[in-house]
Amino acid sequence: MINKYMYYTIYRITNLVNSKLYIGAHKTDNIEDGYMGSGKILGYAKDKYGLENFNKEILHTYDNTKEMYAKEKELVNEEFIARKDTYNIKIGGFGGFDYLNSADYDNPSHSAEHARMMYKVGYDKRVAAYNKLWEDPEFVVEWGRLSSERQKEQYQNGRVPAMLGKTHTNEAKRKIGKANSINQKGERNSQYGKPRSDAVKKKIAEALKNKPMLTCPHCKKEHNNVGVMNKWHFDKCKDKL
């Protein structure tokens, strides 16, 4: 039996179109195996720009996994993944999500306080990765395309939307509204701290331009935005007797 020599590498992939980077770790017995990374956002970028527009460099080579992951952890840290010019969304080495899925993470000997702390760390990392995904326009476009294709396929196979031809009861609407008032309040709201751009304001104004004016029967307030009127007037109007 022939034992092949294993290479434990740290590589960097560069998008030649926009100069965005991806750094990863890879174990192989063939240094020229053509491996080009498996990151989620990186995958969308390769589909968009074509593999020919990406260049791979071997930055470091080791003879064991410990040194390989130690270097990846050193390079792919929180500061690196926070950068706008990287495709990485998780911390490198065993300090990333891999640790959170390890046996030590769920060790029953840990105190309740330690367990809560580790859950918070894991949650924050997942949220950071999720937010970075949605900040990347390549991911958003690709996600929209795949979502549309899935829905079309489902309709072609006879599946219809669960709420097609149905409406929520008043009780269901009340429960949904109550839950949203809690889950979308303050910093939990996706638009918290994000003022509308002039372009967005212009689009909203254009959309409302040709809509008919609505009048609240209680306070006589007029507005052509149905959402605003339903939220603050009609049955919810403070002047309603």
Protein backbone atom coordinates (compact mmCIF):
# COMPACT_ATOMS: atom_id res chain seq x y z
CA MET A 1 0.00 0.00 0.00
CA ILE A 2 1.37 3.40 -1.02
CA ASN A 3 0.90 6.26 1.44
CA LYS A 4 0.43 9.50 -0.45
CA TYR A 5 1.89 12.67 0.99
CA MET A 6 -0.82 15.05 2.19
CA TYR A 7 -0.63 18.81 1.78
CA TYR A 8 -2.39 21.01 4.33
CA THR A 9 -2.76 24.34 2.57
CA ILE A 10 -3.99 27.87 3.11
CA TYR A 11 -5.12 29.38 -0.17
CA ARG A 12 -6.41 32.72 -1.39
CA ILE A 13 -8.85 33.13 -4.26
CA THR A 14 -9.16 36.52 -5.95
CA ASN A 15 -11.96 37.73 -8.18
CA LEU A 16 -10.12 39.34 -11.10
CA VAL A 17 -13.15 41.51 -11.92
CA ASN A 18 -13.77 43.21 -8.56
CA SER A 19 -10.68 42.14 -6.51
CA LYS A 20 -12.76 40.49 -3.77
CA LEU A 21 -10.96 37.78 -1.79
CA TYR A 22 -11.62 34.41 -0.20
CA ILE A 23 -9.15 32.67 2.12
CA GLY A 24 -9.62 29.04 3.07
CA ALA A 25 -7.96 25.81 4.23
CA HIS A 26 -7.71 22.69 2.08
CA LYS A 27 -6.28 19.21 2.63
CA THR A 28 -5.16 17.37 -0.51
CA ASP A 29 -2.70 14.81 -1.88
CA ASN A 30 -2.42 16.81 -5.11
CA ILE A 31 -1.36 20.44 -4.78
CA GLU A 32 -2.65 21.03 -8.34
CA ASP A 33 -6.07 19.43 -7.82
CA GLY A 34 -7.92 22.49 -9.14
CA TYR A 35 -9.90 23.03 -5.94
CA MET A 36 -11.37 26.57 -5.99
CA GLY A 37 -13.04 26.93 -2.60
CA SER A 38 -16.53 26.09 -1.35
CA GLY A 39 -17.74 29.27 0.36
CA LYS A 40 -21.44 30.06 -0.12
CA ILE A 41 -21.04 33.62 -1.42
CA LEU A 42 -17.94 32.60 -3.35
CA GLY A 43 -20.01 29.96 -5.11
CA TYR A 44 -22.57 32.54 -6.23
CA ALA A 45 -19.76 34.80 -7.44
CA LYS A 46 -18.19 31.98 -9.49
CA ASP A 47 -21.55 31.31 -11.13
CA LYS A 48 -21.93 34.99 -11.96
CA TYR A 49 -18.43 35.84 -13.21
CA GLY A 50 -17.26 32.46 -14.45
CA LEU A 51 -14.44 30.37 -13.00
CA GLU A 52 -12.00 31.83 -15.52
CA ASN A 53 -12.22 35.17 -13.70
CA PHE A 54 -10.83 33.78 -10.44
CA ASN A 55 -7.21 33.23 -9.50
CA LYS A 56 -5.97 30.89 -6.77
CA GLU A 57 -2.73 31.24 -4.81
CA ILE A 58 -1.27 28.86 -2.23
CA LEU A 59 -0.21 31.09 0.67
CA HIS A 60 1.04 28.45 3.14
CA THR A 61 1.63 24.70 3.17
CA TYR A 62 1.86 22.51 6.30
CA ASP A 63 2.13 18.82 7.11
CA ASN A 64 -0.67 18.69 9.68
CA THR A 65 -4.18 20.04 10.24
CA LYS A 66 -3.34 21.79 13.51
CA GLU A 67 -0.94 24.27 11.91
CA MET A 68 -3.18 24.69 8.88
CA TYR A 69 -6.25 25.66 10.91
CA ALA A 70 -4.18 27.81 13.26
CA LYS A 71 -3.02 29.89 10.29
CA GLU A 72 -6.54 30.06 8.85
CA LYS A 73 -7.82 31.28 12.21
CA GLU A 74 -5.08 33.91 12.29
CA LEU A 75 -5.87 35.21 8.81
CA VAL A 76 -9.66 34.84 8.68
CA ASN A 77 -10.55 36.69 11.87
CA GLU A 78 -13.50 38.92 12.76
CA GLU A 79 -11.82 41.96 11.24
CA PHE A 80 -11.24 40.11 7.96
CA ILE A 81 -14.79 38.79 7.55
CA ALA A 82 -16.18 42.25 8.39
CA ARG A 83 -14.42 43.70 5.35
CA LYS A 84 -16.53 44.47 2.28
CA ASP A 85 -13.97 42.99 -0.13
CA THR A 86 -14.10 39.40 1.17
CA TYR A 87 -16.34 36.41 0.44
CA ASN A 88 -15.67 34.78 3.84
CA ILE A 89 -18.62 34.74 6.26
CA LYS A 90 -17.23 32.71 9.17
CA ILE A 91 -14.11 32.86 11.29
CA GLY A 92 -11.37 30.48 10.18
CA GLY A 93 -9.93 27.50 12.01
CA PHE A 94 -11.66 25.68 14.83
CA GLY A 95 -12.81 29.01 16.28
CA GLY A 96 -15.59 29.38 13.72
CA PHE A 97 -18.92 27.56 13.41
CA ASP A 98 -17.11 24.21 13.48
CA TYR A 99 -16.46 24.71 17.20
CA LEU A 100 -20.09 25.54 17.83
CA ASN A 101 -21.07 22.20 16.32
CA SER A 102 -18.48 20.24 18.30
CA ALA A 103 -19.12 17.92 21.23
CA ASP A 104 -17.55 20.42 23.63
CA TYR A 105 -20.19 22.99 22.78
CA ASP A 106 -22.97 20.81 24.24
CA ASN A 107 -20.90 19.38 27.10
CA PRO A 108 -23.40 18.66 29.95
CA SER A 109 -20.72 19.45 32.54
CA HIS A 110 -20.82 23.13 31.58
CA SER A 111 -22.69 25.46 33.91
CA ALA A 112 -25.97 27.04 32.83
CA GLU A 113 -24.23 30.43 32.65
CA HIS A 114 -21.50 29.01 30.41
CA ALA A 115 -24.12 27.40 28.17
CA ARG A 116 -26.00 30.71 27.86
CA MET A 117 -22.77 32.52 27.06
CA MET A 118 -21.83 30.02 24.36
CA TYR A 119 -25.31 30.17 22.86
CA LYS A 120 -25.02 33.97 22.70
CA VAL A 121 -21.61 33.70 21.00
CA GLY A 122 -22.99 31.23 18.48
CA TYR A 123 -26.08 33.35 17.84
CA ASP A 124 -24.01 36.49 17.26
CA LYS A 125 -21.76 34.67 14.79
CA ARG A 126 -24.73 33.28 12.87
CA VAL A 127 -26.38 36.71 12.74
CA ALA A 128 -23.14 38.32 11.52
CA ALA A 129 -22.79 35.71 8.78
CA TYR A 130 -26.46 36.06 7.81
CA ASN A 131 -26.20 39.85 7.62
CA LYS A 132 -23.09 39.66 5.46
CA LEU A 133 -24.88 37.34 3.05
CA TRP A 134 -27.70 39.83 2.55
CA GLU A 135 -25.29 42.75 2.18
CA ASP A 136 -23.73 41.04 -0.82
CA PRO A 137 -25.61 41.95 -4.04
CA GLU A 138 -24.41 38.78 -5.77
CA PHE A 139 -26.04 36.63 -3.11
CA VAL A 140 -29.28 38.65 -3.19
CA VAL A 141 -29.59 38.35 -6.97
CA GLU A 142 -28.78 34.63 -6.96
CA TRP A 143 -31.11 33.94 -4.04
CA GLY A 144 -33.94 35.72 -5.85
CA ARG A 145 -33.31 33.73 -9.02
CA LEU A 146 -33.23 30.39 -7.21
CA SER A 147 -36.31 31.26 -5.15
CA SER A 148 -38.23 32.17 -8.30
CA GLU A 149 -37.19 28.92 -9.99
CA ARG A 150 -38.27 26.87 -6.97
CA GLN A 151 -41.69 28.52 -6.88
CA LYS A 152 -42.22 28.01 -10.61
CA GLU A 153 -41.27 24.35 -10.27
CA GLN A 154 -43.67 23.92 -7.35
CA TYR A 155 -46.55 25.49 -9.30
CA GLN A 156 -45.80 23.30 -12.32
CA ASN A 157 -45.98 20.24 -10.06
CA GLY A 158 -49.43 21.25 -8.84
CA ARG A 159 -48.50 22.89 -5.56
CA VAL A 160 -50.39 26.09 -4.76
CA PRO A 161 -49.66 28.74 -2.09
CA ALA A 162 -51.08 27.78 1.30
CA MET A 163 -53.10 31.02 1.56
CA LEU A 164 -54.38 31.09 -2.02
CA GLY A 165 -58.05 32.10 -1.90
CA LYS A 166 -57.97 32.35 1.89
CA THR A 167 -57.89 35.24 4.35
CA HIS A 168 -56.73 35.48 7.95
CA THR A 169 -59.40 35.66 10.62
CA ASN A 170 -59.52 38.78 12.79
CA GLU A 171 -58.12 36.75 15.68
CA ALA A 172 -55.20 35.55 13.54
CA LYS A 173 -54.52 39.12 12.40
CA ARG A 174 -54.53 40.27 16.03
CA LYS A 175 -51.99 37.60 17.01
CA ILE A 176 -49.76 38.39 14.03
CA GLY A 177 -49.90 42.10 14.81
CA LYS A 178 -49.07 41.51 18.47
CA ALA A 179 -46.09 39.29 17.59
CA ASN A 180 -44.79 41.78 15.03
CA SER A 181 -45.11 44.65 17.49
CA ILE A 182 -42.63 42.79 19.71
CA ASN A 183 -40.33 41.13 17.17
CA GLN A 184 -40.01 44.17 14.91
CA LYS A 185 -39.57 46.82 17.57
CA GLY A 186 -36.47 49.00 17.88
CA GLU A 187 -33.21 47.31 16.89
CA ARG A 188 -35.09 44.15 15.90
CA ASN A 189 -36.67 46.00 13.00
CA SER A 190 -34.74 45.41 9.77
CA GLN A 191 -35.02 49.12 8.92
CA TYR A 192 -33.86 50.37 12.33
CA GLY A 193 -31.26 53.12 11.95
CA LYS A 194 -31.47 52.99 8.14
CA PRO A 195 -32.86 56.28 6.77
CA ARG A 196 -34.46 56.09 3.34
CA SER A 197 -32.31 57.29 0.49
CA ASP A 198 -33.51 60.07 -1.82
CA ALA A 199 -33.95 57.49 -4.58
CA VAL A 200 -36.25 55.36 -2.41
CA LYS A 201 -38.24 58.42 -1.31
CA LYS A 202 -38.67 59.39 -4.95
CA LYS A 203 -39.94 55.91 -5.87
CA ILE A 204 -42.46 55.99 -3.01
CA ALA A 205 -43.68 59.43 -4.05
CA GLU A 206 -44.09 58.29 -7.67
CA ALA A 207 -46.01 55.19 -6.57
CA LEU A 208 -48.41 57.26 -4.47
CA LYS A 209 -48.89 60.03 -7.02
CA ASN A 210 -51.83 58.46 -8.87
CA LYS A 211 -53.49 56.72 -5.92
CA PRO A 212 -56.85 58.11 -4.73
CA MET A 213 -57.01 60.03 -1.47
CA LEU A 214 -58.56 58.28 1.53
CA THR A 215 -60.37 60.15 4.30
CA CYS A 216 -60.66 59.01 7.90
CA PRO A 217 -64.35 59.35 8.94
CA HIS A 218 -63.34 60.22 12.51
CA CYS A 219 -60.59 62.85 12.29
CA LYS A 220 -61.06 63.73 8.59
CA LYS A 221 -57.35 63.17 7.92
CA GLU A 222 -56.61 62.59 4.23
CA HIS A 223 -53.84 60.47 2.77
CA ASN A 224 -53.34 58.24 -0.27
CA ASN A 225 -51.17 55.65 1.51
CA VAL A 226 -53.46 52.76 2.44
CA GLY A 227 -50.95 51.31 4.90
CA VAL A 228 -50.61 54.57 6.82
CA MET A 229 -54.36 55.09 6.97
CA ASN A 230 -55.06 51.54 8.15
CA LYS A 231 -52.35 51.80 10.80
CA TRP A 232 -53.37 55.12 12.35
CA HIS A 233 -56.93 55.85 11.24
CA PHE A 234 -60.33 54.31 10.52
CA ASP A 235 -61.00 51.78 13.33
CA LYS A 236 -57.67 52.69 15.00
CA CYS A 237 -58.18 56.45 14.92
CA LYS A 238 -57.61 58.15 18.28
CA ASP A 239 -60.65 60.37 17.62
CA LYS A 240 -62.97 57.41 17.20
CA LEU A 241 -65.73 57.54 19.81
